[in-house]
Amino acid sequence: MPDPLPSSQLGGFSPSPPLLEALNHHLSFKSGDCVAVALSGGADSAMLAVHAHLWASRRKVTLHFFHIHHGLQAIADQWQAHVHDLAARLQRPCHSLRVQVQSRRLSADGMESAARDARYQGLAELAHFVGLQHVLLAHHQDDQAETVLMRLLRGTGITGLGAMAPRMQRDQLQYWRPWLEQPRALILQASDAFAAATGWYAVQDPTNINPDYTRGAVRDLLTPVLDARWPGWQSRLQRQAQLSRETQEVLDSVASQDWLTLEPDETGRSFSLVAWRSLEPARQSLVLRYWLQEQGAGLPTQARLAELLKQLRGLHARGHDRNLMWKHGQNLVRCVRGRVQIESAGPGDQQAGRVADQASK
C-alpha cells in the first residue's frame, strides 16, 4: 500500500516495522473510530505520532494529536510550536492546552506527580472537547523497567511491580500503551532516521535526566551501572511486570470476593470493621490494597500499609477509637461507628493526619 504522505514530506523516511507491528498487534480500532496521540514533542511521543499516522491512514481511523503545555520550562512555548509543525507536516489536527501544575507537599512524588496529574487532567479536557475516548501513550520498555525498579524500591508489592498496564481507564478515557515491549533504542533509531529524512528533530526535556527528579535519578545514576553490569535488564524487568500483572489478576479476583463480604456501602467508601477482622491477616492486607485502588487513592508502600493494618487491628471491636486518622495522599481513612471509611482530607485534616501519623510511629 502506498504511503499516505507525499514523498516530499517523508523525504524517504521508512517507518520501523517492529513499531508498526506493535500498533497492529495491540490496537483494535476500525474505520471511523477516533483516537488521539499524547504528543509532547520528545522522540518517543513524536515517533508514536508518526507511526500512528501511517497506521491510522491505512485503516481510515480518525487521528488527533494532543499537546499539554505544562509551563515548567522557559522553552515550552517553542515545544508547542514545534509539535504543531509536526502535525502540519502529517496533516493531522493538533490541540494544545496549557495546564497549571501545583506542587503538592503531601504527594510522594512531589512535582513529578503533580505534573503527571495535570497532564492527565489536560488530556481528559481535550478528549472531551474533541469528543473521543481513546488516547495513545508512548511509554516503552525502558519506561516500564524504570517503573518496576522505582516501585520495587518503594516497596509497593505485586500490584506495584505490575507497573504500567498496556491499557487503563482514567477519567472515563481509555489509555493505550502499545509500545511497552519496544526498547527505546529502536524508537531513537526511528527518530534519528525521521530527522535525517525530514529535518524535523525531536525536543529534549532536561528534566528527564535531572537527578533531582526520581525517574531522572534512575536514568542518570542507576541506568549506566545496570547497563554495564546487566545488559538487557530492561527486557527482564518488563517481563517481570507482565508476570506480576497476571498474578495480580488472580489476587484481584480473590480480593473482590472478599470485598463483598465486608458489607460495603453503595459507594464503596466504607466497610464493616468486624467483617474485615474475620479475614485471614494476608487477605486483610490484600482487600485493603484492593479497596484503596478502587477508590483511586493509589498504592501505599508496605510500611504505610503495615501502619494502617496495625491501627485497624488495635481498634476497639466496635471501632470507637476516634484517634484513627490514617492519611494517604489527599485521602483520610477513619473508623466511625464500626465502619472504616475513606474521605477527602481537608486543610485541618491534613495537619491532624500528620500528627496522628507521628503518634503511630
Protein backbone atom coordinates (compact mmCIF):
# COMPACT_ATOMS: atom_id res chain seq x y z
CA MET A 1 0.00 0.00 0.00
CA PRO A 2 1.45 3.41 -0.92
CA ASP A 3 2.43 5.78 1.84
CA PRO A 4 -0.37 8.24 2.75
CA LEU A 5 2.20 11.05 2.92
CA PRO A 6 3.63 12.76 -0.14
CA SER A 7 7.25 11.73 -0.71
CA SER A 8 8.29 15.36 -0.35
CA GLN A 9 7.11 15.29 3.27
CA LEU A 10 8.53 11.88 4.10
CA GLY A 11 11.86 12.65 2.50
CA GLY A 12 12.46 8.94 2.05
CA PHE A 13 11.74 8.04 5.69
CA SER A 14 10.82 4.40 6.20
CA PRO A 15 8.81 3.58 9.34
CA SER A 16 10.11 0.95 11.74
CA PRO A 17 8.44 -2.43 11.01
CA PRO A 18 8.52 -3.57 14.68
CA LEU A 19 6.97 -0.30 15.87
CA LEU A 20 4.23 -0.51 13.25
CA GLU A 21 3.62 -4.18 14.00
CA ALA A 22 3.22 -3.35 17.71
CA LEU A 23 0.39 -0.98 16.78
CA ASN A 24 -1.20 -3.68 14.64
CA HIS A 25 -0.93 -6.18 17.48
CA HIS A 26 -2.14 -4.06 20.39
CA LEU A 27 -4.71 -1.73 18.79
CA SER A 28 -8.07 -2.94 17.55
CA PHE A 29 -9.66 0.25 16.22
CA LYS A 30 -11.58 0.14 12.98
CA SER A 31 -12.63 2.52 10.23
CA GLY A 32 -14.45 5.55 11.61
CA ASP A 33 -13.04 5.32 15.13
CA CYS A 34 -11.48 8.46 16.63
CA VAL A 35 -8.18 8.25 18.52
CA ALA A 36 -5.63 10.75 19.88
CA VAL A 37 -1.89 10.57 20.48
CA ALA A 38 -0.46 12.39 23.51
CA LEU A 39 2.36 14.31 21.86
CA SER A 40 4.97 16.11 23.96
CA GLY A 41 7.45 16.61 21.15
CA GLY A 42 10.04 14.20 22.54
CA ALA A 43 11.37 11.33 20.46
CA ASP A 44 9.05 8.73 21.99
CA SER A 45 5.75 10.54 21.50
CA ALA A 46 6.81 12.03 18.15
CA MET A 47 7.59 8.60 16.73
CA LEU A 48 4.32 7.26 18.10
CA ALA A 49 2.56 10.14 16.33
CA VAL A 50 4.34 9.40 13.04
CA HIS A 51 3.77 5.64 13.16
CA ALA A 52 0.18 6.04 14.39
CA HIS A 53 -0.41 8.42 11.49
CA LEU A 54 0.68 5.77 9.00
CA TRP A 55 -1.24 3.05 10.84
CA ALA A 56 -4.44 5.15 11.10
CA SER A 57 -4.27 6.21 7.45
CA ARG A 58 -4.27 2.62 6.31
CA ARG A 59 -7.29 1.80 8.49
CA LYS A 60 -9.22 5.01 7.96
CA VAL A 61 -9.09 5.77 11.68
CA THR A 62 -9.51 9.45 12.58
CA LEU A 63 -6.39 10.63 14.42
CA HIS A 64 -5.75 13.74 16.52
CA PHE A 65 -2.69 14.96 18.38
CA PHE A 66 -2.96 16.32 21.96
CA HIS A 67 -0.21 18.52 23.42
CA ILE A 68 -0.13 19.53 27.08
CA HIS A 69 1.81 22.72 27.87
CA HIS A 70 2.95 22.44 31.50
CA GLY A 71 4.62 25.85 31.63
CA LEU A 72 7.51 24.40 33.64
CA GLN A 73 10.24 25.16 31.10
CA ALA A 74 11.10 28.53 29.58
CA ILE A 75 11.32 26.84 26.18
CA ALA A 76 7.86 25.23 26.46
CA ASP A 77 6.29 27.72 24.03
CA GLN A 78 8.78 26.63 21.39
CA TRP A 79 7.99 22.98 22.07
CA GLN A 80 4.33 23.71 21.48
CA ALA A 81 5.07 25.38 18.14
CA HIS A 82 7.39 22.50 17.21
CA VAL A 83 4.65 19.95 17.91
CA HIS A 84 2.20 21.85 15.74
CA ASP A 85 4.80 21.93 12.99
CA LEU A 86 4.99 18.13 13.05
CA ALA A 87 1.19 17.89 12.98
CA ALA A 88 1.10 20.22 9.98
CA ARG A 89 3.65 18.07 8.16
CA LEU A 90 1.49 15.00 8.81
CA GLN A 91 -1.69 16.93 8.02
CA ARG A 92 -3.28 15.99 11.32
CA PRO A 93 -5.25 18.24 13.72
CA CYS A 94 -3.30 19.16 16.84
CA HIS A 95 -4.91 20.53 20.01
CA SER A 96 -2.90 22.20 22.78
CA LEU A 97 -3.85 23.05 26.33
CA ARG A 98 -1.85 24.90 28.95
CA VAL A 99 -2.24 23.50 32.45
CA GLN A 100 -1.29 24.82 35.86
CA VAL A 101 0.97 22.50 37.82
CA GLN A 102 0.70 22.80 41.58
CA SER A 103 3.45 21.24 43.65
CA ARG A 104 1.89 19.14 46.40
CA ARG A 105 3.94 18.76 49.57
CA LEU A 106 1.95 15.74 50.67
CA SER A 107 2.43 13.79 47.43
CA ALA A 108 5.08 11.08 47.47
CA ASP A 109 6.26 12.01 44.00
CA GLY A 110 6.16 15.77 44.51
CA MET A 111 6.41 17.82 41.37
CA GLU A 112 6.60 14.76 39.12
CA SER A 113 3.28 13.52 40.46
CA ALA A 114 1.67 16.96 40.22
CA ALA A 115 2.79 17.36 36.60
CA ARG A 116 1.53 13.88 35.75
CA ASP A 117 -1.88 14.56 37.29
CA ALA A 118 -2.15 17.90 35.48
CA ARG A 119 -1.22 16.18 32.23
CA TYR A 120 -3.93 13.55 32.56
CA GLN A 121 -6.47 16.20 33.51
CA GLY A 122 -5.50 18.21 30.44
CA LEU A 123 -5.76 15.17 28.18
CA ALA A 124 -9.23 14.49 29.56
CA GLU A 125 -10.29 18.07 28.81
CA LEU A 126 -9.00 17.85 25.25
CA ALA A 127 -10.67 14.48 24.73
CA HIS A 128 -13.97 15.91 25.92
CA PHE A 129 -13.53 18.91 23.62
CA VAL A 130 -12.85 16.75 20.57
CA GLY A 131 -15.34 14.06 21.55
CA LEU A 132 -13.15 10.96 21.72
CA GLN A 133 -12.46 8.31 24.35
CA HIS A 134 -9.14 6.73 23.33
CA VAL A 135 -5.64 8.17 23.82
CA LEU A 136 -2.34 6.53 22.86
CA LEU A 137 0.67 6.95 25.14
CA ALA A 138 4.29 6.42 24.08
CA HIS A 139 5.59 4.58 27.15
CA HIS A 140 8.09 1.92 26.11
CA GLN A 141 10.10 -0.97 27.54
CA ASP A 142 12.70 1.25 29.20
CA ASP A 143 9.96 3.32 30.89
CA GLN A 144 8.34 0.12 32.11
CA ALA A 145 11.62 -1.23 33.50
CA GLU A 146 12.30 2.06 35.31
CA THR A 147 8.80 1.98 36.79
CA VAL A 148 9.28 -1.58 38.06
CA LEU A 149 12.57 -0.54 39.65
CA MET A 150 11.07 2.53 41.34
CA ARG A 151 8.06 0.54 42.57
CA LEU A 152 10.40 -2.13 43.94
CA LEU A 153 12.38 0.49 45.84
CA ARG A 154 9.15 1.95 47.22
CA GLY A 155 8.01 -1.47 48.41
CA THR A 156 4.61 -1.45 46.69
CA GLY A 157 4.31 -5.26 46.38
CA ILE A 158 2.97 -7.35 43.49
CA THR A 159 0.45 -4.69 42.46
CA GLY A 160 3.17 -2.08 42.12
CA LEU A 161 5.52 -4.43 40.27
CA GLY A 162 2.86 -4.80 37.59
CA ALA A 163 3.89 -1.23 36.71
CA MET A 164 2.10 0.30 33.71
CA ALA A 165 -0.75 -1.62 32.13
CA PRO A 166 -0.98 -1.87 28.32
CA ARG A 167 -4.48 -0.47 28.68
CA MET A 168 -6.05 1.52 31.52
CA GLN A 169 -9.10 3.61 32.23
CA ARG A 170 -8.89 7.02 33.82
CA ASP A 171 -11.32 9.95 33.84
CA GLN A 172 -13.68 7.92 31.64
CA LEU A 173 -10.97 7.62 28.97
CA GLN A 174 -9.20 4.54 27.66
CA TYR A 175 -5.43 4.92 27.54
CA TRP A 176 -3.38 2.58 25.35
CA ARG A 177 0.35 1.83 25.62
CA PRO A 178 1.17 -0.26 22.54
CA TRP A 179 4.98 0.08 22.85
CA LEU A 180 5.61 -1.34 26.33
CA GLU A 181 7.55 -4.22 24.78
CA GLN A 182 9.58 -1.99 22.45
CA PRO A 183 13.08 -0.84 23.52
CA ARG A 184 13.75 2.88 23.46
CA ALA A 185 16.84 2.31 21.32
CA LEU A 186 14.55 1.26 18.49
CA ILE A 187 12.42 4.39 18.91
CA LEU A 188 15.50 6.64 18.96
CA GLN A 189 16.76 4.95 15.82
CA ALA A 190 13.48 5.76 14.08
CA SER A 191 13.62 9.33 15.40
CA ASP A 192 17.11 9.85 14.02
CA ALA A 193 16.04 8.45 10.64
CA PHE A 194 13.00 10.73 10.57
CA ALA A 195 15.11 13.77 11.42
CA ALA A 196 17.62 12.94 8.67
CA ALA A 197 14.83 12.47 6.15
CA THR A 198 12.61 15.43 7.05
CA GLY A 199 14.69 17.89 9.07
CA TRP A 200 12.25 17.67 12.00
CA TYR A 201 14.10 16.92 15.24
CA ALA A 202 12.50 15.78 18.49
CA VAL A 203 12.85 18.06 21.52
CA GLN A 204 14.74 17.06 24.66
CA ASP A 205 13.34 17.77 28.11
CA PRO A 206 16.26 18.28 30.55
CA THR A 207 14.16 17.07 33.49
CA ASN A 208 14.19 13.56 32.03
CA ILE A 209 17.76 13.08 33.25
CA ASN A 210 17.71 15.53 36.15
CA PRO A 211 18.65 13.56 39.30
CA ASP A 212 16.51 15.92 41.39
CA TYR A 213 13.54 14.00 40.00
CA THR A 214 13.00 10.34 40.91
CA ARG A 215 12.87 9.00 37.37
CA GLY A 216 15.68 11.31 36.34
CA ALA A 217 17.84 9.90 39.15
CA VAL A 218 17.17 6.35 37.94
CA ARG A 219 18.22 7.30 34.40
CA ASP A 220 21.25 9.37 35.39
CA LEU A 221 22.61 7.38 38.32
CA LEU A 222 21.34 3.79 38.14
CA THR A 223 20.84 3.02 34.46
CA PRO A 224 24.53 3.35 33.46
CA VAL A 225 25.52 0.89 36.21
CA LEU A 226 22.77 -1.57 35.31
CA ASP A 227 23.60 -1.33 31.60
CA ALA A 228 27.25 -2.11 32.30
CA ARG A 229 26.67 -4.96 34.75
CA TRP A 230 23.39 -6.46 33.49
CA PRO A 231 22.89 -5.67 29.78
CA GLY A 232 19.29 -6.14 28.72
CA TRP A 233 17.91 -5.66 32.22
CA GLN A 234 15.05 -3.60 30.79
CA SER A 235 13.53 -6.54 28.94
CA ARG A 236 13.77 -8.74 32.02
CA LEU A 237 12.03 -6.20 34.23
CA GLN A 238 9.39 -5.64 31.54
CA ARG A 239 8.67 -9.38 31.60
CA GLN A 240 8.55 -9.24 35.39
CA ALA A 241 5.89 -6.54 35.13
CA GLN A 242 3.83 -8.74 32.82
CA LEU A 243 4.09 -11.72 35.18
CA SER A 244 3.19 -9.51 38.14
CA ARG A 245 0.07 -8.26 36.36
CA GLU A 246 -1.02 -11.83 35.69
CA THR A 247 -0.52 -12.71 39.36
CA GLN A 248 -2.37 -9.55 40.35
CA GLU A 249 -5.38 -10.56 38.26
CA VAL A 250 -5.71 -13.69 40.38
CA LEU A 251 -5.28 -11.71 43.61
CA ASP A 252 -7.82 -9.13 42.47
CA SER A 253 -10.33 -11.90 41.92
CA VAL A 254 -9.81 -13.11 45.49
CA ALA A 255 -9.92 -9.55 46.88
CA SER A 256 -13.12 -8.69 45.02
CA GLN A 257 -14.83 -11.74 46.51
CA ASP A 258 -13.59 -10.84 49.99
CA TRP A 259 -14.72 -7.25 49.48
CA LEU A 260 -18.33 -8.38 49.00
CA THR A 261 -18.26 -10.00 52.47
CA LEU A 262 -17.31 -6.71 54.17
CA GLU A 263 -20.80 -5.17 53.98
CA PRO A 264 -19.64 -2.24 51.79
CA ASP A 265 -21.90 0.76 51.38
CA GLU A 266 -23.36 1.66 47.99
CA THR A 267 -20.46 3.94 47.07
CA GLY A 268 -17.75 1.54 48.23
CA ARG A 269 -16.37 4.27 50.51
CA SER A 270 -16.80 2.30 53.74
CA PHE A 271 -16.92 -1.25 55.07
CA SER A 272 -17.52 -3.18 58.30
CA LEU A 273 -14.56 -3.39 60.68
CA VAL A 274 -15.90 -6.58 62.28
CA ALA A 275 -16.33 -8.29 58.91
CA TRP A 276 -12.83 -7.26 57.86
CA ARG A 277 -11.35 -8.70 61.05
CA SER A 278 -12.87 -12.09 60.23
CA LEU A 279 -10.48 -12.43 57.28
CA GLU A 280 -7.07 -14.05 57.49
CA PRO A 281 -4.25 -11.48 58.00
CA ALA A 282 -2.88 -11.81 54.46
CA ARG A 283 -6.36 -11.32 52.99
CA GLN A 284 -6.96 -8.32 55.25
CA SER A 285 -3.93 -6.70 53.65
CA LEU A 286 -4.99 -7.77 50.17
CA VAL A 287 -8.50 -6.38 50.42
CA LEU A 288 -7.23 -3.06 51.82
CA ARG A 289 -4.96 -2.61 48.82
CA TYR A 290 -7.85 -3.52 46.54
CA TRP A 291 -10.15 -1.01 48.27
CA LEU A 292 -7.64 1.84 48.09
CA GLN A 293 -7.05 1.14 44.40
CA GLU A 294 -10.76 1.05 43.66
CA GLN A 295 -11.19 4.39 45.41
CA GLY A 296 -8.44 5.95 43.29
CA ALA A 297 -6.23 6.52 46.32
CA GLY A 298 -3.18 4.83 44.84
CA LEU A 299 -0.90 2.20 46.30
CA PRO A 300 0.70 2.71 49.73
CA THR A 301 4.16 1.40 50.47
CA GLN A 302 4.41 -1.77 52.54
CA ALA A 303 5.45 0.29 55.58
CA ARG A 304 2.47 2.62 55.24
CA LEU A 305 0.06 -0.27 54.76
CA ALA A 306 1.51 -2.04 57.80
CA GLU A 307 0.79 1.11 59.79
CA LEU A 308 -2.86 1.10 58.74
CA LEU A 309 -3.18 -2.62 59.46
CA LYS A 310 -1.75 -2.13 62.94
CA GLN A 311 -4.19 0.67 63.71
CA LEU A 312 -7.23 -1.20 62.43
CA ARG A 313 -6.31 -4.36 64.33
CA GLY A 314 -5.78 -2.34 67.51
CA LEU A 315 -9.16 -0.59 67.46
CA HIS A 316 -11.97 -1.43 69.80
CA ALA A 317 -14.16 -4.10 68.23
CA ARG A 318 -16.87 -1.53 67.57
CA GLY A 319 -14.40 0.95 66.13
CA HIS A 320 -14.98 3.73 68.66
CA ASP A 321 -11.35 4.87 68.65
CA ARG A 322 -11.63 8.31 67.09
CA ASN A 323 -7.86 8.76 67.03
CA LEU A 324 -7.55 6.61 63.92
CA MET A 325 -6.64 9.10 61.21
CA TRP A 326 -4.51 7.45 58.51
CA LYS A 327 -3.57 9.91 55.79
CA HIS A 328 -2.74 8.72 52.28
CA GLY A 329 -2.14 11.37 49.62
CA GLN A 330 -5.23 13.57 49.52
CA ASN A 331 -7.32 10.99 51.39
CA LEU A 332 -8.00 10.21 55.02
CA VAL A 333 -9.06 6.84 56.44
CA ARG A 334 -11.12 6.90 59.64
CA CYS A 335 -13.21 4.44 61.62
CA VAL A 336 -16.67 5.68 62.69
CA ARG A 337 -19.22 3.51 64.50
CA GLY A 338 -17.61 0.30 63.44
CA ARG A 339 -17.16 1.24 59.79
CA VAL A 340 -13.85 2.01 58.11
CA GLN A 341 -14.29 4.87 55.68
CA ILE A 342 -12.22 6.94 53.26
CA GLU A 343 -12.77 10.63 52.64
CA SER A 344 -11.03 13.61 51.12
CA ALA A 345 -8.69 15.32 53.54
CA GLY A 346 -9.43 18.98 54.22
CA PRO A 347 -6.79 21.51 55.37
CA GLY A 348 -7.50 20.80 59.04
CA ASP A 349 -7.50 17.05 58.46
CA GLN A 350 -4.10 17.23 56.78
CA GLN A 351 -2.44 18.63 59.90
CA ALA A 352 -4.35 16.21 62.13
CA GLY A 353 -3.34 13.36 59.88
CA ARG A 354 0.32 14.28 60.17
CA VAL A 355 0.04 14.40 63.95
CA ALA A 356 -1.69 11.01 64.01
CA ASP A 357 0.97 9.59 61.72
CA GLN A 358 3.73 10.71 64.07
CA ALA A 359 1.86 9.33 67.09
CA SER A 360 1.55 5.92 65.46
CA LYS A 361 5.29 5.54 64.80
